[in-house]
Amino acid sequence: MRYLGILLALPLAASTVRIIQTNSAGDDVSIIDPSTNKVVGLIRGIEVNHGAAAAPDGKHFYISNEGESTLDIVDTKTLKVVKKIPLSGHPNNIGISKDGRRVYVSIAVAPGAVDVIDTVSEEKVKSIPVKGAVHNTYVTPDGKYVVSGSIPSKVITVIDQKTEEPAWSLEMDLGIRPMAFATNPDGSTKWIFVQLSRFNGFAVVDFASHKEINRIKLPDLPPGKQPFPEGGNESHGMAVTADGKTLVVNSRLNSSIYEYSLPELKLLGSVEVGKSPDWVTLTPDGKRAYVANAASNSVSVVDIQTMKEITRIPVGEVPKRNITAVLP
């Protein structure tokens, strides 16, 4: 879909929350205000935009640009691209360090790498070799590690954030798709939840032992419901609430999201959303989920406690990755 006219960025109050929704088949990124569930701004001119990150100081958004193989820096006040940083190859998703000084970019071509962008100099300063083209890159909740996953090599690579060198890796039996993290009481990483190619569910990897300890299959489709096969992997997109008590999991196959208790991994409920839910992000209070519906050109807003869809927000073409940005 295309927007007519110009949507200007709104003045940002203290601790403004925005949902940043990339639209992979267009050249615009939608900015959603979760207090109104309306699109309040557009970032234009980023062809085939993929991953997004927000600077902790609220000054910049970072968007991976598949069309030009760059990391694009966006001014949050004007929503204009102010710089394009060339990457070592075609990018996918990105992560940002806790202090905002580094952006880690998945390089989705062989032999595989995580590009390191220094946000002060605004230059690529390093390319960390990993095994296989990288689909997604994350920074663990405690900020100590960068975690990348490769579909073709089926390898998770855990990188020490201080040294920016690989610390350990784990090869699994299926390609590595999206990931999420559970933490210990001290904030360190306890588990990695891993979605896998051609599997409608997720695996649980113990961070300390570097081993898979569980695999959870999502419920079968209800009688009479036909699967929605278009749009990629069966299960794609997960998030853990800020209190660490709930895991939200997408199913593209069933056009639904599921809620599991933590640490028990007990199924609590589900709700149908738009077609081919590709990614999910949560509000800071953990009360609402924003689900990117890649085949519906919309974002579903779900109340996590009641597991009911509140509304559906029209966005750009083929929305995929999204993040929650807290802007001071």
Protein backbone atom coordinates (compact mmCIF):
# COMPACT_ATOMS: atom_id res chain seq x y z
CA MET A 1 0.00 0.00 0.00
CA ARG A 2 1.07 3.62 -0.52
CA TYR A 3 0.43 6.65 1.70
CA LEU A 4 -0.68 9.98 0.23
CA GLY A 5 0.63 13.21 1.65
CA ILE A 6 3.34 13.57 4.28
CA LEU A 7 3.30 12.21 7.82
CA LEU A 8 5.57 14.22 10.05
CA ALA A 9 7.33 12.95 13.17
CA LEU A 10 5.57 14.08 16.34
CA PRO A 11 7.42 15.90 19.14
CA LEU A 12 8.80 13.30 21.52
CA ALA A 13 7.89 13.55 25.20
CA ALA A 14 9.87 11.86 27.98
CA SER A 15 10.04 8.08 27.49
CA THR A 16 8.06 8.05 24.27
CA VAL A 17 7.36 4.50 23.06
CA ARG A 18 7.19 3.73 19.35
CA ILE A 19 6.80 0.49 17.40
CA ILE A 20 9.17 0.51 14.42
CA GLN A 21 7.74 -1.67 11.65
CA THR A 22 9.84 -2.48 8.59
CA ASN A 23 8.00 -3.21 5.33
CA SER A 24 10.13 -5.59 3.28
CA ALA A 25 8.47 -5.18 -0.12
CA GLY A 26 8.53 -1.39 -0.11
CA ASP A 27 10.82 1.53 0.62
CA ASP A 28 9.13 2.83 3.78
CA VAL A 29 9.19 2.00 7.49
CA SER A 30 6.06 2.58 9.59
CA ILE A 31 6.25 4.31 13.00
CA ILE A 32 3.35 3.28 15.27
CA ASP A 33 2.28 5.08 18.44
CA PRO A 34 1.10 2.29 20.80
CA SER A 35 -0.96 4.76 22.85
CA THR A 36 -3.24 5.36 19.85
CA ASN A 37 -2.39 2.36 17.66
CA LYS A 38 -1.97 4.67 14.70
CA VAL A 39 0.84 5.13 12.18
CA VAL A 40 2.28 8.54 13.14
CA GLY A 41 5.29 8.67 10.84
CA LEU A 42 7.11 7.12 7.90
CA ILE A 43 10.77 6.67 7.15
CA ARG A 44 11.07 6.79 3.37
CA GLY A 45 13.74 5.83 0.87
CA ILE A 46 15.07 2.56 2.32
CA GLU A 47 14.51 -0.07 -0.36
CA VAL A 48 13.76 -3.57 0.98
CA ASN A 49 14.23 -2.52 4.59
CA HIS A 50 14.74 -5.44 6.96
CA GLY A 51 16.06 -5.13 10.54
CA ALA A 52 15.66 -2.18 12.91
CA ALA A 53 17.31 -0.93 16.09
CA ALA A 54 16.99 2.23 18.18
CA ALA A 55 19.79 4.17 19.86
CA PRO A 56 19.35 4.30 23.67
CA ASP A 57 19.73 8.09 23.61
CA GLY A 58 16.76 8.35 21.24
CA LYS A 59 18.62 10.21 18.50
CA HIS A 60 18.81 7.58 15.77
CA PHE A 61 17.13 4.55 14.30
CA TYR A 62 19.26 2.01 12.42
CA ILE A 63 17.71 0.11 9.49
CA SER A 64 19.33 -2.60 7.37
CA ASN A 65 18.89 -1.83 3.68
CA GLU A 66 18.79 -4.95 1.49
CA GLY A 67 18.49 -2.96 -1.73
CA GLU A 68 21.85 -1.21 -1.28
CA SER A 69 23.57 -3.54 1.24
CA THR A 70 23.95 -0.70 3.73
CA LEU A 71 23.07 0.12 7.31
CA ASP A 72 21.01 3.30 7.15
CA ILE A 73 21.07 5.82 10.00
CA VAL A 74 17.82 7.74 10.53
CA ASP A 75 17.33 10.94 12.54
CA THR A 76 14.41 10.24 14.90
CA LYS A 77 13.18 13.86 14.84
CA THR A 78 13.06 14.34 11.07
CA LEU A 79 12.72 10.65 10.10
CA LYS A 80 15.27 11.31 7.34
CA VAL A 81 18.15 9.02 6.40
CA VAL A 82 21.32 10.91 7.36
CA LYS A 83 23.94 8.31 6.42
CA LYS A 84 24.30 4.96 4.63
CA ILE A 85 27.14 2.72 5.83
CA PRO A 86 28.36 0.13 3.27
CA LEU A 87 28.34 -3.44 4.55
CA SER A 88 30.42 -6.49 3.61
CA GLY A 89 27.42 -8.17 1.99
CA HIS A 90 23.65 -8.45 1.75
CA PRO A 91 22.14 -7.83 5.23
CA ASN A 92 19.24 -9.33 7.16
CA ASN A 93 18.39 -8.54 10.79
CA ILE A 94 20.39 -6.42 13.26
CA GLY A 95 21.04 -6.00 16.99
CA ILE A 96 22.40 -3.14 19.08
CA SER A 97 24.65 -3.14 22.16
CA LYS A 98 23.19 -1.97 25.48
CA ASP A 99 25.27 1.21 25.45
CA GLY A 100 24.32 1.91 21.84
CA ARG A 101 27.93 2.13 20.65
CA ARG A 102 27.76 -0.93 18.39
CA VAL A 103 25.26 -2.22 15.85
CA TYR A 104 25.67 -5.86 14.81
CA VAL A 105 24.44 -6.67 11.29
CA SER A 106 23.61 -10.15 9.97
CA ILE A 107 25.34 -10.75 6.64
CA ALA A 108 23.09 -13.17 4.78
CA VAL A 109 25.54 -14.43 2.15
CA ALA A 110 28.26 -17.08 2.31
CA PRO A 111 30.63 -17.59 3.99
CA GLY A 112 28.75 -15.68 6.69
CA ALA A 113 29.62 -12.83 8.99
CA VAL A 114 28.39 -10.34 11.56
CA ASP A 115 29.39 -6.81 10.60
CA VAL A 116 30.23 -4.48 13.49
CA ILE A 117 29.23 -0.83 13.11
CA ASP A 118 30.69 1.80 15.46
CA THR A 119 27.87 4.32 16.04
CA VAL A 120 30.25 7.11 17.12
CA SER A 121 32.42 7.07 14.01
CA GLU A 122 29.48 5.76 11.96
CA GLU A 123 31.72 3.29 10.17
CA LYS A 124 32.02 -0.48 9.80
CA VAL A 125 34.97 -1.37 12.02
CA LYS A 126 34.97 -5.16 11.88
CA SER A 127 33.46 -8.20 10.21
CA ILE A 128 33.26 -11.25 12.51
CA PRO A 129 33.45 -14.51 10.51
CA VAL A 130 30.86 -17.14 11.47
CA LYS A 131 29.82 -20.43 9.89
CA GLY A 132 27.10 -19.86 7.31
CA ALA A 133 25.05 -16.94 6.03
CA VAL A 134 23.40 -15.18 8.99
CA HIS A 135 19.63 -14.73 9.26
CA ASN A 136 19.26 -12.98 12.63
CA THR A 137 21.60 -11.36 15.15
CA TYR A 138 20.74 -10.51 18.76
CA VAL A 139 22.36 -9.03 21.86
CA THR A 140 21.55 -11.05 24.99
CA PRO A 141 19.46 -9.29 27.67
CA ASP A 142 22.53 -8.76 29.90
CA GLY A 143 24.43 -7.25 26.96
CA LYS A 144 27.37 -9.65 27.33
CA TYR A 145 26.96 -11.67 24.15
CA VAL A 146 25.98 -11.31 20.52
CA VAL A 147 24.12 -14.34 19.15
CA SER A 148 23.78 -15.11 15.45
CA GLY A 149 21.91 -17.89 13.67
CA SER A 150 22.43 -19.38 10.22
CA ILE A 151 19.82 -21.21 8.16
CA PRO A 152 22.15 -23.03 5.70
CA SER A 153 24.80 -24.12 8.25
CA LYS A 154 22.24 -24.78 11.05
CA VAL A 155 24.68 -23.11 13.48
CA ILE A 156 24.15 -20.75 16.41
CA THR A 157 27.27 -18.66 17.08
CA VAL A 158 27.67 -16.91 20.45
CA ILE A 159 30.11 -13.97 20.33
CA ASP A 160 31.70 -12.31 23.36
CA GLN A 161 30.56 -8.68 23.14
CA LYS A 162 33.71 -7.28 24.77
CA THR A 163 36.23 -9.04 22.53
CA GLU A 164 33.90 -9.37 19.52
CA GLU A 165 35.22 -12.87 18.95
CA PRO A 166 33.22 -16.15 18.87
CA ALA A 167 32.94 -17.78 22.32
CA TRP A 168 31.06 -20.96 21.42
CA SER A 169 28.77 -22.43 18.79
CA LEU A 170 26.14 -25.12 18.46
CA GLU A 171 25.14 -26.98 15.31
CA MET A 172 21.51 -28.13 15.28
CA ASP A 173 19.61 -30.50 13.00
CA LEU A 174 17.57 -27.78 11.28
CA GLY A 175 18.23 -24.23 10.06
CA ILE A 176 18.28 -21.49 12.69
CA ARG A 177 15.39 -19.04 12.48
CA PRO A 178 14.36 -16.37 15.07
CA MET A 179 15.52 -16.58 18.69
CA ALA A 180 14.53 -15.19 22.09
CA PHE A 181 16.07 -15.42 25.57
CA ALA A 182 15.16 -16.38 29.12
CA THR A 183 17.29 -15.06 31.98
CA ASN A 184 18.49 -16.21 35.38
CA PRO A 185 17.65 -14.16 38.52
CA ASP A 186 20.98 -12.31 38.18
CA GLY A 187 20.11 -11.28 34.61
CA SER A 188 22.49 -13.68 32.88
CA THR A 189 21.21 -15.78 29.99
CA LYS A 190 19.52 -19.04 31.00
CA TRP A 191 17.98 -20.36 27.78
CA ILE A 192 17.89 -19.54 24.09
CA PHE A 193 14.52 -20.25 22.45
CA VAL A 194 15.20 -21.21 18.83
CA GLN A 195 12.73 -21.49 15.97
CA LEU A 196 13.84 -23.96 13.32
CA SER A 197 13.33 -24.43 9.59
CA ARG A 198 10.25 -26.51 8.71
CA PHE A 199 9.24 -26.89 12.36
CA ASN A 200 6.07 -25.33 13.80
CA GLY A 201 7.44 -24.70 17.27
CA PHE A 202 10.77 -24.02 18.98
CA ALA A 203 13.76 -25.63 20.65
CA VAL A 204 15.20 -24.71 24.07
CA VAL A 205 18.99 -24.42 24.32
CA ASP A 206 20.66 -24.27 27.75
CA PHE A 207 23.13 -21.37 27.61
CA ALA A 208 25.50 -22.78 30.25
CA SER A 209 25.84 -26.30 28.83
CA HIS A 210 25.49 -25.29 25.16
CA LYS A 211 22.99 -28.12 24.61
CA GLU A 212 19.39 -28.46 23.44
CA ILE A 213 17.27 -29.54 26.42
CA ASN A 214 13.73 -29.39 25.06
CA ARG A 215 11.69 -29.04 21.88
CA ILE A 216 8.12 -27.74 21.91
CA LYS A 217 5.71 -28.33 19.03
CA LEU A 218 2.91 -25.80 18.68
CA PRO A 219 -0.65 -27.18 18.78
CA ASP A 220 -2.10 -28.76 15.65
CA LEU A 221 -4.50 -26.70 13.59
CA PRO A 222 -8.12 -26.96 14.77
CA PRO A 223 -10.44 -29.25 12.80
CA GLY A 224 -11.53 -27.74 9.50
CA LYS A 225 -8.88 -25.02 9.40
CA GLN A 226 -6.55 -25.05 6.42
CA PRO A 227 -2.87 -24.18 6.92
CA PHE A 228 -1.56 -20.96 5.44
CA PRO A 229 1.69 -22.13 3.84
CA GLU A 230 2.77 -18.95 2.05
CA GLY A 231 5.31 -16.60 3.53
CA GLY A 232 8.20 -18.72 4.73
CA ASN A 233 8.92 -20.81 7.79
CA GLU A 234 6.10 -22.42 9.77
CA SER A 235 6.94 -20.65 13.04
CA HIS A 236 8.70 -17.28 12.82
CA GLY A 237 8.99 -14.64 15.55
CA MET A 238 9.14 -14.83 19.36
CA ALA A 239 9.39 -12.47 22.33
CA VAL A 240 9.68 -12.71 26.12
CA THR A 241 7.87 -10.25 28.38
CA ALA A 242 10.01 -7.89 30.48
CA ASP A 243 9.10 -9.73 33.71
CA GLY A 244 10.43 -12.97 32.19
CA LYS A 245 7.18 -14.84 32.86
CA THR A 246 5.72 -15.24 29.37
CA LEU A 247 6.95 -16.37 25.96
CA VAL A 248 4.94 -15.26 22.90
CA VAL A 249 5.39 -17.40 19.77
CA ASN A 250 4.17 -16.84 16.19
CA SER A 251 2.83 -19.54 13.89
CA ARG A 252 2.76 -18.59 10.21
CA LEU A 253 1.22 -21.97 9.45
CA ASN A 254 -1.79 -21.27 11.68
CA SER A 255 -1.87 -17.44 11.38
CA SER A 256 -1.91 -17.34 15.18
CA ILE A 257 0.25 -16.54 18.19
CA TYR A 258 0.68 -18.70 21.28
CA GLU A 259 1.50 -17.85 24.87
CA TYR A 260 3.65 -20.04 27.14
CA SER A 261 4.42 -19.63 30.84
CA LEU A 262 8.04 -19.41 31.96
CA PRO A 263 9.89 -21.36 33.15
CA GLU A 264 7.28 -24.13 32.98
CA LEU A 265 6.63 -23.74 29.22
CA LYS A 266 2.95 -24.44 29.81
CA LEU A 267 0.62 -23.40 26.99
CA LEU A 268 -1.60 -20.59 28.31
CA GLY A 269 -3.60 -19.65 25.24
CA SER A 270 -3.63 -18.55 21.62
CA VAL A 271 -5.28 -16.03 19.31
CA GLU A 272 -5.66 -15.79 15.54
CA VAL A 273 -4.05 -12.75 13.93
CA GLY A 274 -3.46 -11.70 10.30
CA LYS A 275 -2.01 -14.01 7.66
CA SER A 276 1.60 -15.15 7.96
CA PRO A 277 2.68 -13.51 11.25
CA ASP A 278 6.40 -12.95 10.73
CA TRP A 279 7.63 -11.11 13.83
CA VAL A 280 6.43 -9.88 17.21
CA THR A 281 7.50 -7.15 19.62
CA LEU A 282 6.08 -6.29 23.05
CA THR A 283 5.36 -3.05 24.88
CA PRO A 284 7.76 -2.35 27.79
CA ASP A 285 5.05 -3.21 30.35
CA GLY A 286 4.52 -6.60 28.68
CA LYS A 287 0.79 -6.02 28.26
CA ARG A 288 0.53 -5.91 24.47
CA ALA A 289 2.06 -7.70 21.52
CA TYR A 290 2.48 -6.12 18.09
CA VAL A 291 2.48 -8.84 15.43
CA ALA A 292 3.68 -8.17 11.87
CA ASN A 293 1.31 -9.90 9.43
CA ALA A 294 3.44 -10.30 6.30
CA ALA A 295 0.62 -11.49 4.02
CA SER A 296 -1.99 -9.05 5.34
CA ASN A 297 0.03 -5.80 5.24
CA SER A 298 -1.00 -5.12 8.81
CA VAL A 299 0.09 -5.28 12.44
CA SER A 300 -2.16 -7.08 14.93
CA VAL A 301 -2.32 -5.62 18.44
CA VAL A 302 -2.93 -8.38 21.00
CA ASP A 303 -3.74 -8.08 24.71
CA ILE A 304 -1.36 -10.62 26.24
CA GLN A 305 -3.38 -11.21 29.42
CA THR A 306 -6.67 -11.97 27.65
CA MET A 307 -5.06 -13.19 24.38
CA LYS A 308 -7.52 -11.17 22.31
CA GLU A 309 -6.77 -9.11 19.23
CA ILE A 310 -7.55 -5.47 20.04
CA THR A 311 -7.14 -3.98 16.58
CA ARG A 312 -5.30 -4.39 13.29
CA ILE A 313 -3.18 -1.50 11.99
CA PRO A 314 -2.64 -1.07 8.21
CA VAL A 315 1.06 -0.61 7.37
CA GLY A 316 3.27 -0.95 4.28
CA GLU A 317 3.88 -3.87 1.95
CA VAL A 318 4.93 -7.22 3.46
CA PRO A 319 5.73 -6.09 7.02
CA LYS A 320 8.30 -8.32 8.69
CA ARG A 321 10.70 -7.29 11.48
CA ASN A 322 9.58 -4.89 14.18
CA ILE A 323 11.01 -3.52 17.42
CA THR A 324 9.83 -1.51 20.40
CA ALA A 325 11.75 1.75 20.76
CA VAL A 326 11.79 3.65 24.07
CA LEU A 327 12.92 7.18 23.26
CA PRO A 328 14.00 9.42 26.17
